Protein backbone atom coordinates (compact mmCIF):
# COMPACT_ATOMS: atom_id res chain seq x y z
CA MET A 1 130.75 119.68 99.45
CA PHE A 2 127.12 118.67 99.20
CA THR A 3 124.60 120.19 101.56
CA ASN A 4 121.01 119.28 102.22
CA GLN A 5 119.96 122.36 100.25
CA SER A 6 122.14 121.63 97.19
CA LEU A 7 121.24 117.96 96.91
CA ASP A 8 118.62 116.98 94.38
CA LYS A 9 115.28 116.39 96.09
CA LYS A 10 115.00 112.97 94.47
CA ILE A 11 118.26 111.84 96.11
CA ILE A 12 116.94 112.79 99.56
CA GLU A 13 113.60 111.07 98.88
CA ARG A 14 115.45 107.98 97.71
CA ASP A 15 117.14 107.68 101.12
CA GLY A 16 113.71 107.46 102.74
CA LEU A 17 112.32 104.56 100.68
CA PHE A 18 111.47 101.29 102.42
CA SER A 19 110.23 98.06 100.82
CA THR A 20 108.42 96.40 103.69
CA CYS A 21 106.84 97.44 106.99
CA VAL A 22 104.97 96.34 110.10
CA LEU A 23 102.68 97.98 112.67
CA VAL A 24 103.63 98.19 116.34
CA GLN A 25 101.46 100.22 118.71
CA GLY A 26 99.97 102.20 115.84
CA LYS A 27 103.31 103.14 114.26
CA VAL A 28 105.03 101.79 111.16
CA PHE A 29 108.46 100.23 111.65
CA SER A 30 110.83 99.39 108.83
CA PHE A 31 114.37 99.65 107.46
CA THR A 32 115.39 101.97 104.64
CA SER A 33 116.05 100.20 101.36
CA PHE A 34 119.43 101.62 100.40
CA LYS A 35 121.25 102.21 103.67
CA ARG A 36 119.37 99.69 105.83
CA ILE A 37 118.68 102.19 108.62
CA PRO A 38 115.95 101.22 111.14
CA MET A 39 113.11 103.75 111.22
CA VAL A 40 109.66 104.37 112.66
CA GLY A 41 106.87 106.37 111.04
CA ASP A 42 104.03 108.26 112.73
CA LEU A 43 100.88 107.63 110.68
CA HIS A 44 99.19 110.79 111.98
CA THR A 45 101.92 113.31 111.32
CA GLY A 46 103.92 111.47 108.65
CA LYS A 47 107.13 112.09 110.58
CA ILE A 48 109.86 109.50 110.01
CA THR A 49 112.30 109.01 112.89
CA LEU A 50 115.54 107.07 112.53
CA VAL A 51 116.17 104.50 115.26
CA GLU A 52 119.67 104.94 116.65
CA ASN A 53 121.86 102.83 118.90
CA LEU A 54 120.18 99.45 118.42
CA VAL A 55 122.08 96.82 120.37
CA ASN A 56 123.56 94.04 118.20
CA TYR A 57 122.13 95.47 114.97
CA ASP A 58 123.97 94.19 111.87
CA PRO A 59 123.93 97.07 109.35
CA VAL A 60 124.34 94.74 106.36
CA PHE A 61 121.00 93.06 107.15
CA ASN A 62 118.61 93.74 104.28
CA ALA A 63 114.98 93.43 105.35
CA ASP A 64 112.35 91.41 103.52
CA ASN A 65 109.02 90.22 104.97
CA MET A 66 108.14 91.43 108.48
CA LEU A 67 105.61 90.56 111.17
CA SER A 68 105.06 91.75 114.73
CA ILE A 69 104.02 90.09 117.99
CA GLY A 70 103.67 92.49 120.91
CA ASN A 71 106.88 94.51 121.18
CA ASP A 72 108.82 92.08 119.00
CA ILE A 73 109.32 92.46 115.26
CA PHE A 74 110.52 89.49 113.20
CA ILE A 75 112.23 90.23 109.90
CA LEU A 76 113.36 87.82 107.19
CA GLU A 77 116.67 88.66 105.54
CA LEU A 78 116.43 89.36 101.82
CA ASN A 79 119.17 86.86 100.96
CA GLY A 80 117.41 84.10 102.93
CA LYS A 81 120.14 83.49 105.50
CA ARG A 82 118.69 84.82 108.76
CA LEU A 83 115.64 85.82 110.73
CA MET A 84 116.12 88.88 112.94
CA LYS A 85 114.18 89.54 116.13
CA PHE A 86 113.98 93.23 117.05
CA ASN A 87 112.48 94.21 120.40
CA VAL A 88 111.29 97.80 119.99
CA LYS A 89 110.98 98.42 123.73
CA GLU A 90 114.48 97.32 124.70
CA GLY A 91 116.17 98.21 121.38
CA ILE A 92 117.90 94.83 121.13
CA CYS A 93 118.36 92.61 118.06
CA SER A 94 119.04 88.87 117.90
CA TYR A 95 119.33 86.45 114.98
CA PHE A 96 118.39 82.93 113.89
CA ASN A 97 120.11 81.13 110.99
CA ILE A 98 117.35 79.73 108.78
CA GLY A 99 119.24 78.60 105.66
CA CYS A 100 116.73 79.68 103.00
CA ASP A 101 119.38 81.32 100.82
CA SER A 102 118.76 79.61 97.49
CA LYS A 103 118.71 83.00 95.72
CA ASN A 104 119.93 86.51 96.49
CA TRP A 105 116.31 87.64 96.86
CA ASP A 106 112.71 86.38 96.49
CA ASN A 107 113.24 83.35 98.73
CA TYR A 108 109.96 83.19 100.66
CA ALA A 109 106.46 81.98 99.81
CA ALA A 110 104.95 82.74 103.23
CA PHE A 111 105.83 83.82 106.77
CA ALA A 112 103.63 83.07 109.80
CA TYR A 113 103.39 83.11 113.59
CA TYR A 114 101.36 80.70 115.70
CA LYS A 115 101.59 79.80 119.40
CA LYS A 116 105.14 81.02 120.07
CA ASN A 117 106.52 79.58 116.85
CA ILE A 118 107.61 81.27 113.63
CA TYR A 119 107.07 79.39 110.36
CA VAL A 120 108.97 80.16 107.14
CA PHE A 121 107.98 78.59 103.82
CA PRO A 122 110.83 78.79 101.25
CA ILE A 123 110.10 79.05 97.54
CA TYR A 124 113.00 76.96 96.26
CA GLU A 125 113.17 74.22 98.86
CA ASN A 126 111.01 71.22 99.64
CA ALA A 127 111.03 72.27 103.27
CA LEU A 128 109.46 74.17 106.13
CA VAL A 129 111.49 76.12 108.71
CA LYS A 130 110.09 76.28 112.24
CA ILE A 131 111.61 78.50 114.93
CA ASP A 132 110.65 77.87 118.57
CA LEU A 133 110.86 81.34 120.12
CA GLU A 134 111.05 80.05 123.69
CA SER A 135 113.96 77.63 123.17
CA GLY A 136 115.53 79.31 120.13
CA ARG A 137 115.58 75.98 118.31
CA VAL A 138 115.46 76.09 114.50
CA GLN A 139 114.10 73.05 112.66
CA LYS A 140 114.03 72.46 108.92
CA LYS A 141 111.48 69.82 107.99
CA LYS A 142 112.15 68.44 104.52
CA ASN A 143 110.28 66.43 101.91
CA LEU A 144 106.97 68.05 102.70
CA TYR A 145 105.55 68.68 99.24
CA THR A 146 105.24 65.09 98.07
CA ASP A 147 101.88 65.84 96.48
CA ILE A 148 103.36 68.78 94.58
CA ASN A 149 106.26 66.66 93.31
CA LYS A 150 103.79 64.03 92.10
CA TYR A 151 101.62 66.71 90.52
CA LYS A 152 104.61 68.27 88.72
CA LYS A 153 105.63 64.92 87.26
CA GLU A 154 102.10 64.12 86.12
CA ASN A 155 101.92 67.50 84.37
CA ARG A 156 105.47 67.29 82.96
CA LYS A 157 106.76 70.12 85.12
CA GLU A 158 109.37 68.20 87.05
CA ASN A 159 112.05 70.74 86.08
CA GLU A 160 110.13 73.63 87.67
CA PRO A 161 112.58 74.93 90.34
CA THR A 162 109.92 76.30 92.68
CA PHE A 163 107.46 74.58 94.96
CA CYS A 164 104.98 77.14 96.32
CA VAL A 165 105.63 80.79 95.42
CA CYS A 166 103.17 82.72 97.57
CA GLY A 167 100.69 82.27 100.37
CA CYS A 168 99.11 83.77 103.45
CA GLN A 169 98.03 82.95 107.00
CA LEU A 170 94.44 82.69 108.14
CA GLU A 171 94.18 81.76 111.82
CA ASN A 172 95.97 78.42 112.33
CA LYS A 173 96.47 77.64 108.63
CA VAL A 174 98.89 78.80 105.96
CA TRP A 175 97.56 78.60 102.40
CA LEU A 176 100.16 78.10 99.67
CA PHE A 177 99.97 78.32 95.88
CA GLN A 178 102.20 77.37 92.96
CA ARG A 179 103.34 79.83 90.32
CA CYS A 180 101.21 78.12 87.69
CA GLY A 181 98.59 75.41 88.07
CA ASN A 182 95.50 74.46 90.01
CA LEU A 183 97.09 72.93 93.09
CA ALA A 184 96.81 74.59 96.51
CA VAL A 185 98.20 73.33 99.81
CA ALA A 186 97.03 74.14 103.34
CA TYR A 187 99.36 73.63 106.29
CA ASP A 188 97.69 73.40 109.72
CA MET A 189 100.10 74.77 112.32
CA GLU A 190 97.95 73.41 115.17
CA SER A 191 98.09 69.76 114.06
CA ASP A 192 101.25 69.91 111.90
CA THR A 193 99.37 68.40 108.96
CA TRP A 194 99.03 69.15 105.25
CA ARG A 195 96.05 69.02 102.91
CA ARG A 196 96.05 69.24 99.13
CA TYR A 197 93.34 70.93 97.02
CA GLU A 198 92.87 70.68 93.26
CA LEU A 199 91.14 73.89 92.24
CA SER A 200 88.56 74.19 89.49
CA ILE A 201 90.58 76.92 87.74
CA LYS A 202 94.20 76.91 86.63
CA ILE A 203 96.01 80.06 87.77
CA GLU A 204 98.84 81.46 85.62
CA GLU A 205 101.69 83.40 87.25
CA CYS A 206 100.27 83.67 90.75
CA VAL A 207 101.92 86.65 92.48
CA HIS A 208 99.81 87.49 95.55
CA VAL A 209 97.32 85.84 97.88
CA ALA A 210 95.36 87.78 100.51
CA THR A 211 92.59 86.99 102.97
CA TYR A 212 89.47 89.08 103.48
CA ALA A 213 86.23 88.23 105.29
CA GLY A 214 87.24 84.58 105.56
CA LYS A 215 87.98 84.10 101.86
CA LEU A 216 91.15 83.97 99.79
CA TYR A 217 91.78 86.41 96.95
CA ILE A 218 94.36 85.33 94.42
CA LEU A 219 96.12 87.60 91.89
CA SER A 220 97.88 86.65 88.68
CA ALA A 221 100.63 88.91 87.34
CA GLU A 222 98.55 89.91 84.30
CA GLY A 223 95.61 91.05 86.41
CA GLU A 224 93.22 88.15 86.88
CA ILE A 225 91.69 88.10 90.37
CA TYR A 226 90.09 84.97 91.85
CA ARG A 227 88.10 84.33 95.03
CA TRP A 228 88.01 81.04 96.92
CA ASN A 229 85.96 80.21 100.03
CA MET A 230 88.09 77.10 100.87
CA THR A 231 85.01 74.95 101.61
CA ASN A 232 85.31 73.16 98.27
CA ASP A 233 87.50 73.20 95.18
CA ALA A 234 85.40 75.72 93.24
CA VAL A 235 87.17 79.01 92.53
CA GLU A 236 85.38 82.11 91.21
CA LYS A 237 87.03 84.56 88.84
CA VAL A 238 86.14 88.00 90.21
CA VAL A 239 87.51 90.08 87.35
CA ASP A 240 89.88 89.88 84.39
CA CYS A 241 92.03 93.00 84.06
CA ARG A 242 94.43 91.71 81.43
CA ASN A 243 93.35 94.23 78.78
CA ILE A 244 92.99 97.40 80.83
CA SER A 245 96.47 98.83 80.41
CA LYS A 246 99.62 98.65 78.33
CA SER A 247 100.72 95.28 77.01
CA ASP A 248 103.81 95.33 79.21
CA SER A 249 101.90 96.11 82.42
CA PHE A 250 102.00 93.62 85.24
CA PHE A 251 100.55 93.75 88.73
CA SER A 252 102.01 92.86 92.11
CA ARG A 253 99.47 93.38 94.91
CA ILE A 254 95.76 93.66 95.68
CA ALA A 255 93.99 95.37 98.58
CA VAL A 256 90.50 93.98 99.20
CA THR A 257 87.86 96.12 100.93
CA ASP A 258 84.11 95.91 101.57
CA LYS A 259 83.30 97.86 98.41
CA ARG A 260 86.15 97.35 95.95
CA ILE A 261 89.51 95.79 95.19
CA PHE A 262 92.58 97.92 94.52
CA LEU A 263 94.95 96.52 91.91
CA LEU A 264 98.51 97.79 92.32
CA PRO A 265 101.18 97.79 89.59
CA SER A 266 104.49 96.01 89.40
CA ILE A 267 106.94 97.90 87.17
CA SER A 268 104.23 99.93 85.41
CA GLU A 269 102.63 102.93 87.15
CA ASP A 270 98.84 102.81 86.95
CA ILE A 271 96.63 101.83 89.90
CA PHE A 272 93.14 100.45 89.20
CA TYR A 273 90.17 99.53 91.36
CA ILE A 274 87.26 97.18 90.75
CA ASP A 275 83.79 97.87 92.16
CA PHE A 276 82.20 94.77 93.70
CA ASP A 277 78.63 95.74 92.75
CA SER A 278 79.05 96.97 89.18
CA LYS A 279 82.25 95.04 88.34
CA ASP A 280 83.48 98.25 86.68
CA ILE A 281 87.24 98.67 86.36
CA THR A 282 88.39 102.25 87.00
CA LYS A 283 91.80 103.82 86.60
CA TYR A 284 92.76 105.56 89.82
CA ASP A 285 93.67 109.24 89.45
CA SER A 286 93.55 110.80 92.94
CA TYR A 287 97.28 111.39 93.38
CA PRO A 288 98.79 114.26 95.39
CA GLU A 289 100.07 117.14 93.24
CA ASP A 290 103.71 116.44 94.07
CA PHE A 291 103.41 112.64 93.89
CA ARG A 292 106.09 110.79 91.97
CA TYR A 293 107.89 107.48 91.77
CA CYS A 294 111.52 107.99 92.73
CA GLY A 295 112.75 104.39 93.15
CA PRO A 296 114.64 102.31 90.55
CA GLU A 297 112.54 101.65 87.45
CA ILE A 298 113.06 97.88 87.65
CA TRP A 299 111.57 97.70 91.16
CA SER A 300 107.98 96.67 91.67
CA LYS A 301 106.15 99.83 92.75
CA TYR A 302 104.31 98.14 95.64
CA TYR A 303 105.71 95.21 97.60
CA GLY A 304 105.44 95.00 101.39
CA TYR A 305 102.50 96.25 103.42
CA CYS A 306 100.90 96.00 106.85
CA GLU A 307 97.34 96.35 108.06
CA ASP A 308 95.05 96.81 111.04
CA ASP A 309 91.28 96.35 111.32
CA SER A 310 90.55 99.49 109.30
CA TRP A 311 93.43 100.21 106.92
CA TYR A 312 96.11 98.82 104.62
CA TYR A 313 99.45 100.68 104.71
CA PHE A 314 101.78 100.07 101.77
CA ALA A 315 105.50 100.49 102.23
CA MET A 316 107.02 103.51 100.52
CA ARG A 317 109.07 101.36 98.19
CA SER A 318 109.17 103.58 95.13
CA ALA A 319 106.97 106.62 95.74
CA ASN A 320 107.38 109.72 97.89
CA TYR A 321 104.10 109.01 99.72
CA ILE A 322 102.69 106.10 101.76
CA PHE A 323 99.58 104.70 100.05
CA THR A 324 96.76 103.66 102.39
CA VAL A 325 93.39 102.02 101.69
CA ASN A 326 90.34 102.14 103.97
CA LYS A 327 88.81 98.66 104.33
CA LYS A 328 85.24 99.89 104.87
CA ASP A 329 84.64 102.54 102.20
CA GLY A 330 87.36 101.42 99.78
CA VAL A 331 88.93 104.88 99.51
CA GLY A 332 92.64 105.31 98.85
CA GLU A 333 94.53 108.03 100.71
CA TRP A 334 98.14 109.23 100.80
CA ILE A 335 100.36 110.04 103.76
CA LYS A 336 103.01 112.66 103.07
CA THR A 337 106.11 111.66 104.99
CA ARG A 338 108.38 114.10 106.76
CA ILE A 339 111.69 112.40 106.16
CA PRO A 340 114.93 113.19 108.02
CA SER A 341 117.56 115.41 106.47
CA TYR A 342 120.43 114.13 104.35
CA GLU A 343 122.78 114.82 107.28
CA GLU A 344 120.65 112.79 109.70
CA TYR A 345 120.68 109.78 107.36
CA ARG A 346 124.43 110.20 106.92
CA ASP A 347 125.24 110.40 110.63
CA VAL A 348 123.14 107.38 111.61
CA TYR A 349 124.51 105.35 108.70
CA ILE A 350 128.12 106.13 109.63
CA ASN A 351 127.50 105.32 113.30
CA TYR A 352 126.08 101.90 112.40
CA ASN A 353 128.81 101.19 109.81
CA ARG A 354 131.95 102.30 111.66
CA LYS A 355 133.91 99.18 110.65
CA LEU A 356 133.26 99.43 106.91
CA LEU A 357 132.04 102.42 104.91
CA TYR A 358 131.28 102.29 101.19
CA GLU A 359 132.16 105.24 98.96
CA SER A 360 129.06 104.46 96.89
CA GLU A 361 126.97 105.42 99.93
CA TYR A 362 128.85 108.48 101.19
CA THR A 363 131.88 110.47 100.04
CA ILE A 364 135.03 111.52 101.90
CA ASP A 365 133.46 114.97 102.28
CA ASP A 366 130.48 113.37 104.01
CA ILE A 367 132.76 111.54 106.44
CA LEU A 368 134.72 114.74 107.16
CA SER A 369 131.50 116.62 107.85
CA HIS A 370 130.32 113.85 110.16
CA LEU A 371 133.61 113.83 112.10
CA LYS A 372 133.57 117.62 112.49
CA LYS A 373 130.02 117.44 113.83
CA ASN A 374 130.77 114.45 116.06
CA PRO A 375 134.26 114.95 117.55
CA VAL A 376 136.14 111.75 118.27
CA LYS A 377 136.85 111.01 121.91
CA LYS A 378 139.29 108.50 123.34
CA LYS A 379 137.44 105.57 124.83
CA HIS A 380 140.24 105.12 127.38
CA GLU A 381 143.87 106.06 127.75
CA ASN A 382 145.45 103.39 125.54
CA HIS A 383 142.68 102.98 122.96
CA ILE A 384 141.86 105.07 119.93
CA SER A 385 138.45 104.57 118.36
CA GLY A 386 137.97 103.56 114.74
CA ASP A 387 136.68 107.04 113.95
CA ARG A 388 139.93 108.62 115.15
CA LYS A 389 141.97 106.24 113.00
CA ILE A 390 139.89 107.23 109.98
CA TRP A 391 140.34 110.92 110.84
CA GLU A 392 144.11 110.55 111.11
CA CYS A 393 144.30 108.69 107.79
CA ILE A 394 142.32 111.43 106.09
CA LYS A 395 144.55 114.18 107.53
CA SER A 396 147.66 112.29 106.33
CA PHE A 397 146.14 111.92 102.88
CA ASP A 398 145.38 115.64 102.71
CA LEU A 399 148.95 116.53 103.65
CA LEU A 400 150.36 114.25 100.94
CA GLN A 401 148.09 115.86 98.36
CA GLY A 402 149.46 119.24 99.33
């Protein structure tokens, strides 16, 4: 039987990975990537605490983009089917069907909140989803990107399956960009109106858009970074990082600060930063001694992140540390997490998944250990819990095996 001591350290670290995150009252909330366990991280101590006994939590829900409003966290489902609302104070979950499930993953261009409404911008649909949080009403407004459809036909890209692939919110507007091209779209959530912009530069393989100091910073997968002030159509290329690393290196995220821009890798491993004054491109090398990537090799190293006025906090998607960037001095720092034990992950997972357990997640020995540690009690005189049924089946199986 496996114990916490005999398990490979990488297996335990893998249980603690999370792809996306959000800040609530100075703490990071998320869901683990592999077992979908809700968790909260203390940014001062690095301690990760598993959130138990959530009411109405569906343990098959796989978290994608997240945002927070007060004590409420809103999470898009990876497969595009639902939006989950999670109240951290009451520990209650509720769901909205949003119908953005064109693909198994990568379904969202942008996600925004404005005046008690949630807005979801799908990648593969000519639509906008609006959720009224007071009434619970979900609307899907279609045929919005008429300008994009016209643009695609004029440029012989009518077979392109996507509309806008990424974007971001700045106050009452959501700015959206195509995968390739020079068209940008701004949606005003206050007036429910759209505006089209034809940029002065064509962007290839747009993968991330971020706002900083009232401007938009746009990243291409190969490492070109652009800056746009949105007052006209002129776009400035800040830096071209296409030749700084291996030929197969691609990038996924940027973190813009007062002094520099951090450029974070996709499936490659090297982090770079660009100094605003000198324009020098430097390979980052200030890693902790025991730092390592322990996630699947095909996963982008950095995906979801959250921020406050002073810091960016990147989700621990593939590494055994949380990467943080100070917005003022442009310094990157690492938070060493204190993750729960293997047994803690196991017990919370089994409690949330009583109806259906997968052998790929935990073995029969794990279930036996859990049941010994958590004795089954009758809920009332004529009812036997699911755990007791499992226990009886296992005992019968052991007797048959001799």
